[in-house]
Amino acid sequence: MTQTSENVTWLTQEAYNKLKAELEYLTGPARAEISAKIAAAREEGDLRENGGYHAAKEEQGKQELRVRQLTQLLENAKVGEAPAADGAVAPGMVVTIAFDGDEDDTLTFLLASREYASSDIETYSPQSPLGTGVIGHKVGEDAQYELPNGKKASVKILKAEPYEG
């Protein structure tokens, strides 16, 4: 999936293709659609009190921000293979941990960039405190990470498998 090191983001070919297709849509058909909405709203008259115009301009701003994000991400992307299923935690893996070794208090999450966030599974960035704490550890090992209050928390790696989504 992804692994960010400095300014490089590692992507599988599938992820790269998906993001590239989104960028092509946003810079082509989506741009034309928003321009048409803005033009139609302008024809309605006074722009100061034209809710449709302001909503379309706000949508255009969000869309252009996403275009810039995708452009930067893809410019710095290196395409590679999905992580190996060797039991070591790496970006692009679904990880199950137990807090303080309590196997009843577990969390399963995808360790990946926010580009992969979905409602199907919780996503943690490799740069997050939990992400940096578990990367490189193998199934069965304990790992530590720093909590926002500065204290350390301990987790046990129960499972680490490549993400299939």
C-alpha atoms as a PDB file:
ATOM      1  CA  MET A   1       0.000   0.000   0.000  1.00  0.00           C
ATOM      2  CA  THR A   2       1.933   3.055   1.133  1.00  0.00           C
ATOM      3  CA  GLN A   3       5.068   3.792   2.999  1.00  0.00           C
ATOM      4  CA  THR A   4       6.228   7.337   3.373  1.00  0.00           C
ATOM      5  CA  SER A   5       9.920   7.940   3.820  1.00  0.00           C
ATOM      6  CA  GLU A   6      10.957  11.589   3.589  1.00  0.00           C
ATOM      7  CA  ASN A   7       8.940  12.823   0.590  1.00  0.00           C
ATOM      8  CA  VAL A   8       8.518   9.440  -1.114  1.00  0.00           C
ATOM      9  CA  THR A   9       5.222   7.579  -0.911  1.00  0.00           C
ATOM     10  CA  TRP A  10       5.283   3.889  -1.817  1.00  0.00           C
ATOM     11  CA  LEU A  11       2.180   2.689  -3.649  1.00  0.00           C
ATOM     12  CA  THR A  12       1.116  -0.600  -5.149  1.00  0.00           C
ATOM     13  CA  GLN A  13       0.381  -0.435  -8.883  1.00  0.00           C
ATOM     14  CA  GLU A  14      -3.334  -0.798  -8.138  1.00  0.00           C
ATOM     15  CA  ALA A  15      -3.302   2.132  -5.689  1.00  0.00           C
ATOM     16  CA  TYR A  16      -1.313   4.290  -8.121  1.00  0.00           C
ATOM     17  CA  ASN A  17      -3.776   3.548 -10.941  1.00  0.00           C
ATOM     18  CA  LYS A  18      -6.765   4.371  -8.718  1.00  0.00           C
ATOM     19  CA  LEU A  19      -5.308   7.720  -7.620  1.00  0.00           C
ATOM     20  CA  LYS A  20      -4.234   8.573 -11.183  1.00  0.00           C
ATOM     21  CA  ALA A  21      -7.786   7.872 -12.439  1.00  0.00           C
ATOM     22  CA  GLU A  22      -9.223  10.122  -9.719  1.00  0.00           C
ATOM     23  CA  LEU A  23      -6.825  12.909 -10.727  1.00  0.00           C
ATOM     24  CA  GLU A  24      -7.763  12.544 -14.407  1.00  0.00           C
ATOM     25  CA  TYR A  25     -11.464  12.743 -13.527  1.00  0.00           C
ATOM     26  CA  LEU A  26     -10.983  15.820 -11.334  1.00  0.00           C
ATOM     27  CA  THR A  27      -8.912  17.671 -13.932  1.00  0.00           C
ATOM     28  CA  GLY A  28     -11.273  16.749 -16.804  1.00  0.00           C
ATOM     29  CA  PRO A  29     -15.000  16.033 -16.425  1.00  0.00           C
ATOM     30  CA  ALA A  30     -15.296  17.276 -12.826  1.00  0.00           C
ATOM     31  CA  ARG A  31     -13.637  20.608 -13.678  1.00  0.00           C
ATOM     32  CA  ALA A  32     -16.036  21.099 -16.597  1.00  0.00           C
ATOM     33  CA  GLU A  33     -19.039  20.289 -14.366  1.00  0.00           C
ATOM     34  CA  ILE A  34     -18.074  22.806 -11.686  1.00  0.00           C
ATOM     35  CA  SER A  35     -17.376  25.501 -14.302  1.00  0.00           C
ATOM     36  CA  ALA A  36     -20.861  24.938 -15.726  1.00  0.00           C
ATOM     37  CA  LYS A  37     -22.406  25.228 -12.235  1.00  0.00           C
ATOM     38  CA  ILE A  38     -20.562  28.501 -11.596  1.00  0.00           C
ATOM     39  CA  ALA A  39     -21.588  29.913 -14.991  1.00  0.00           C
ATOM     40  CA  ALA A  40     -25.244  28.968 -14.413  1.00  0.00           C
ATOM     41  CA  ALA A  41     -25.224  30.555 -10.953  1.00  0.00           C
ATOM     42  CA  ARG A  42     -23.631  33.757 -12.341  1.00  0.00           C
ATOM     43  CA  GLU A  43     -26.533  34.131 -14.762  1.00  0.00           C
ATOM     44  CA  GLU A  44     -28.940  34.239 -11.814  1.00  0.00           C
ATOM     45  CA  GLY A  45     -27.806  37.764 -11.010  1.00  0.00           C
ATOM     46  CA  ASP A  46     -26.432  39.377  -7.839  1.00  0.00           C
ATOM     47  CA  LEU A  47     -23.472  37.231  -6.696  1.00  0.00           C
ATOM     48  CA  ARG A  48     -23.401  38.649  -3.144  1.00  0.00           C
ATOM     49  CA  GLU A  49     -26.631  36.868  -2.218  1.00  0.00           C
ATOM     50  CA  ASN A  50     -26.399  33.928  -4.603  1.00  0.00           C
ATOM     51  CA  GLY A  51     -26.112  30.769  -2.473  1.00  0.00           C
ATOM     52  CA  GLY A  52     -25.686  28.493  -5.497  1.00  0.00           C
ATOM     53  CA  TYR A  53     -22.742  30.538  -6.739  1.00  0.00           C
ATOM     54  CA  HIS A  54     -21.000  30.528  -3.355  1.00  0.00           C
ATOM     55  CA  ALA A  55     -21.590  26.789  -2.903  1.00  0.00           C
ATOM     56  CA  ALA A  56     -20.172  26.074  -6.366  1.00  0.00           C
ATOM     57  CA  LYS A  57     -17.114  28.240  -5.694  1.00  0.00           C
ATOM     58  CA  GLU A  58     -16.532  26.427  -2.373  1.00  0.00           C
ATOM     59  CA  GLU A  59     -16.867  23.054  -4.122  1.00  0.00           C
ATOM     60  CA  GLN A  60     -14.385  24.259  -6.763  1.00  0.00           C
ATOM     61  CA  GLY A  61     -11.889  25.220  -4.045  1.00  0.00           C
ATOM     62  CA  LYS A  62     -12.137  21.787  -2.391  1.00  0.00           C
ATOM     63  CA  GLN A  63     -11.783  20.068  -5.744  1.00  0.00           C
ATOM     64  CA  GLU A  64      -8.683  22.085  -6.672  1.00  0.00           C
ATOM     65  CA  LEU A  65      -7.125  21.317  -3.274  1.00  0.00           C
ATOM     66  CA  ARG A  66      -7.637  17.599  -3.924  1.00  0.00           C
ATOM     67  CA  VAL A  67      -6.068  18.019  -7.391  1.00  0.00           C
ATOM     68  CA  ARG A  68      -2.975  19.595  -5.774  1.00  0.00           C
ATOM     69  CA  GLN A  69      -2.797  16.826  -3.135  1.00  0.00           C
ATOM     70  CA  LEU A  70      -3.048  14.065  -5.730  1.00  0.00           C
ATOM     71  CA  THR A  71      -0.555  15.747  -8.055  1.00  0.00           C
ATOM     72  CA  GLN A  72       2.012  16.036  -5.266  1.00  0.00           C
ATOM     73  CA  LEU A  73       1.369  12.490  -4.044  1.00  0.00           C
ATOM     74  CA  LEU A  74       1.740  10.974  -7.515  1.00  0.00           C
ATOM     75  CA  GLU A  75       4.839  13.059  -8.333  1.00  0.00           C
ATOM     76  CA  ASN A  76       6.559  11.626  -5.253  1.00  0.00           C
ATOM     77  CA  ALA A  77       5.199   8.094  -5.610  1.00  0.00           C
ATOM     78  CA  LYS A  78       7.304   5.001  -6.101  1.00  0.00           C
ATOM     79  CA  VAL A  79       5.369   1.994  -7.341  1.00  0.00           C
ATOM     80  CA  GLY A  80       6.225  -1.302  -5.713  1.00  0.00           C
ATOM     81  CA  GLU A  81       4.813  -4.541  -4.457  1.00  0.00           C
ATOM     82  CA  ALA A  82       2.453  -5.036  -1.555  1.00  0.00           C
ATOM     83  CA  PRO A  83       4.251  -5.944   1.686  1.00  0.00           C
ATOM     84  CA  ALA A  84       5.310  -9.542   2.208  1.00  0.00           C
ATOM     85  CA  ALA A  85       3.198 -11.737   4.463  1.00  0.00           C
ATOM     86  CA  ASP A  86       6.180 -12.467   6.722  1.00  0.00           C
ATOM     87  CA  GLY A  87       4.543 -11.449  10.004  1.00  0.00           C
ATOM     88  CA  ALA A  88       6.476  -8.171  10.270  1.00  0.00           C
ATOM     89  CA  VAL A  89       4.395  -5.002  10.543  1.00  0.00           C
ATOM     90  CA  ALA A  90       4.800  -2.689   7.549  1.00  0.00           C
ATOM     91  CA  PRO A  91       2.712  -0.048   5.788  1.00  0.00           C
ATOM     92  CA  GLY A  92      -0.056  -1.656   3.758  1.00  0.00           C
ATOM     93  CA  MET A  93      -0.827  -4.294   6.361  1.00  0.00           C
ATOM     94  CA  VAL A  94      -3.869  -5.011   8.481  1.00  0.00           C
ATOM     95  CA  VAL A  95      -2.571  -5.209  12.037  1.00  0.00           C
ATOM     96  CA  THR A  96      -4.253  -6.565  15.155  1.00  0.00           C
ATOM     97  CA  ILE A  97      -2.820  -5.499  18.495  1.00  0.00           C
ATOM     98  CA  ALA A  98      -3.670  -6.169  22.121  1.00  0.00           C
ATOM     99  CA  PHE A  99      -3.329  -3.285  24.556  1.00  0.00           C
ATOM    100  CA  ASP A 100      -1.087  -4.006  27.543  1.00  0.00           C
ATOM    101  CA  GLY A 101      -1.050  -7.688  26.553  1.00  0.00           C
ATOM    102  CA  ASP A 102      -4.807  -8.028  27.294  1.00  0.00           C
ATOM    103  CA  GLU A 103      -6.066 -10.213  24.449  1.00  0.00           C
ATOM    104  CA  ASP A 104      -9.649  -9.115  25.188  1.00  0.00           C
ATOM    105  CA  ASP A 105      -8.757  -5.440  24.528  1.00  0.00           C
ATOM    106  CA  THR A 106      -7.731  -5.502  20.860  1.00  0.00           C
ATOM    107  CA  LEU A 107      -7.689  -3.181  17.877  1.00  0.00           C
ATOM    108  CA  THR A 108      -7.488  -4.119  14.206  1.00  0.00           C
ATOM    109  CA  PHE A 109      -6.457  -1.389  11.784  1.00  0.00           C
ATOM    110  CA  LEU A 110      -4.916  -0.733   8.398  1.00  0.00           C
ATOM    111  CA  LEU A 111      -1.461   0.824   8.581  1.00  0.00           C
ATOM    112  CA  ALA A 112      -1.503   3.155   5.571  1.00  0.00           C
ATOM    113  CA  SER A 113      -1.767   6.745   4.444  1.00  0.00           C
ATOM    114  CA  ARG A 114      -5.072   8.554   4.672  1.00  0.00           C
ATOM    115  CA  GLU A 115      -5.572   7.905   0.953  1.00  0.00           C
ATOM    116  CA  TYR A 116      -6.733   4.423   1.990  1.00  0.00           C
ATOM    117  CA  ALA A 117      -9.045   5.482   4.782  1.00  0.00           C
ATOM    118  CA  SER A 118     -12.465   3.865   4.399  1.00  0.00           C
ATOM    119  CA  SER A 119     -15.456   3.000   6.495  1.00  0.00           C
ATOM    120  CA  ASP A 120     -14.554  -0.694   6.254  1.00  0.00           C
ATOM    121  CA  ILE A 121     -11.514  -0.551   8.517  1.00  0.00           C
ATOM    122  CA  GLU A 122      -9.921   2.013  10.778  1.00  0.00           C
ATOM    123  CA  THR A 123      -6.740   3.466   9.245  1.00  0.00           C
ATOM    124  CA  TYR A 124      -3.646   4.652  11.104  1.00  0.00           C
ATOM    125  CA  SER A 125      -0.827   6.515   9.407  1.00  0.00           C
ATOM    126  CA  PRO A 126       2.674   5.004   9.495  1.00  0.00           C
ATOM    127  CA  GLN A 127       3.749   8.396  10.914  1.00  0.00           C
ATOM    128  CA  SER A 128       1.230   8.282  13.796  1.00  0.00           C
ATOM    129  CA  PRO A 129       2.536   7.450  17.281  1.00  0.00           C
ATOM    130  CA  LEU A 130       0.968   3.973  17.115  1.00  0.00           C
ATOM    131  CA  GLY A 131       2.185   3.466  13.539  1.00  0.00           C
ATOM    132  CA  THR A 132       5.793   4.346  14.301  1.00  0.00           C
ATOM    133  CA  GLY A 133       5.655   2.181  17.417  1.00  0.00           C
ATOM    134  CA  VAL A 134       4.574  -1.011  15.661  1.00  0.00           C
ATOM    135  CA  ILE A 135       6.430  -0.800  12.314  1.00  0.00           C
ATOM    136  CA  GLY A 136       9.093  -3.472  12.025  1.00  0.00           C
ATOM    137  CA  HIS A 137       7.812  -5.566  14.932  1.00  0.00           C
ATOM    138  CA  LYS A 138       6.775  -9.156  14.287  1.00  0.00           C
ATOM    139  CA  VAL A 139       3.710 -11.092  15.375  1.00  0.00           C
ATOM    140  CA  GLY A 140       4.092 -12.082  19.031  1.00  0.00           C
ATOM    141  CA  GLU A 141       6.378  -9.156  19.890  1.00  0.00           C
ATOM    142  CA  ASP A 142       5.615  -6.269  22.209  1.00  0.00           C
ATOM    143  CA  ALA A 143       5.893  -2.704  20.966  1.00  0.00           C
ATOM    144  CA  GLN A 144       5.714   0.674  22.669  1.00  0.00           C
ATOM    145  CA  TYR A 145       4.460   4.032  21.485  1.00  0.00           C
ATOM    146  CA  GLU A 146       4.088   7.448  23.050  1.00  0.00           C
ATOM    147  CA  LEU A 147       0.661   8.706  24.110  1.00  0.00           C
ATOM    148  CA  PRO A 148      -0.330  12.376  23.666  1.00  0.00           C
ATOM    149  CA  ASN A 149       0.317  12.945  27.401  1.00  0.00           C
ATOM    150  CA  GLY A 150       3.937  11.808  26.981  1.00  0.00           C
ATOM    151  CA  LYS A 151       3.487   8.432  28.692  1.00  0.00           C
ATOM    152  CA  LYS A 152       4.360   5.158  26.966  1.00  0.00           C
ATOM    153  CA  ALA A 153       1.790   2.527  26.069  1.00  0.00           C
ATOM    154  CA  SER A 154       2.571  -1.101  25.378  1.00  0.00           C
ATOM    155  CA  VAL A 155       0.867  -3.308  22.782  1.00  0.00           C
ATOM    156  CA  LYS A 156       1.380  -6.882  21.628  1.00  0.00           C
ATOM    157  CA  ILE A 157       1.292  -7.638  17.904  1.00  0.00           C
ATOM    158  CA  LEU A 158      -1.273 -10.428  17.399  1.00  0.00           C
ATOM    159  CA  LYS A 159      -1.592 -10.410  13.606  1.00  0.00           C
ATOM    160  CA  ALA A 160      -0.089  -8.624  10.578  1.00  0.00           C
ATOM    161  CA  GLU A 161      -1.342  -9.456   7.089  1.00  0.00           C
ATOM    162  CA  PRO A 162      -1.212  -7.594   3.756  1.00  0.00           C
ATOM    163  CA  TYR A 163      -4.339  -5.539   3.058  1.00  0.00           C
ATOM    164  CA  GLU A 164      -6.506  -7.162   0.409  1.00  0.00           C
ATOM    165  CA  GLY A 165      -8.996  -4.299  -0.060  1.00  0.00           C
END
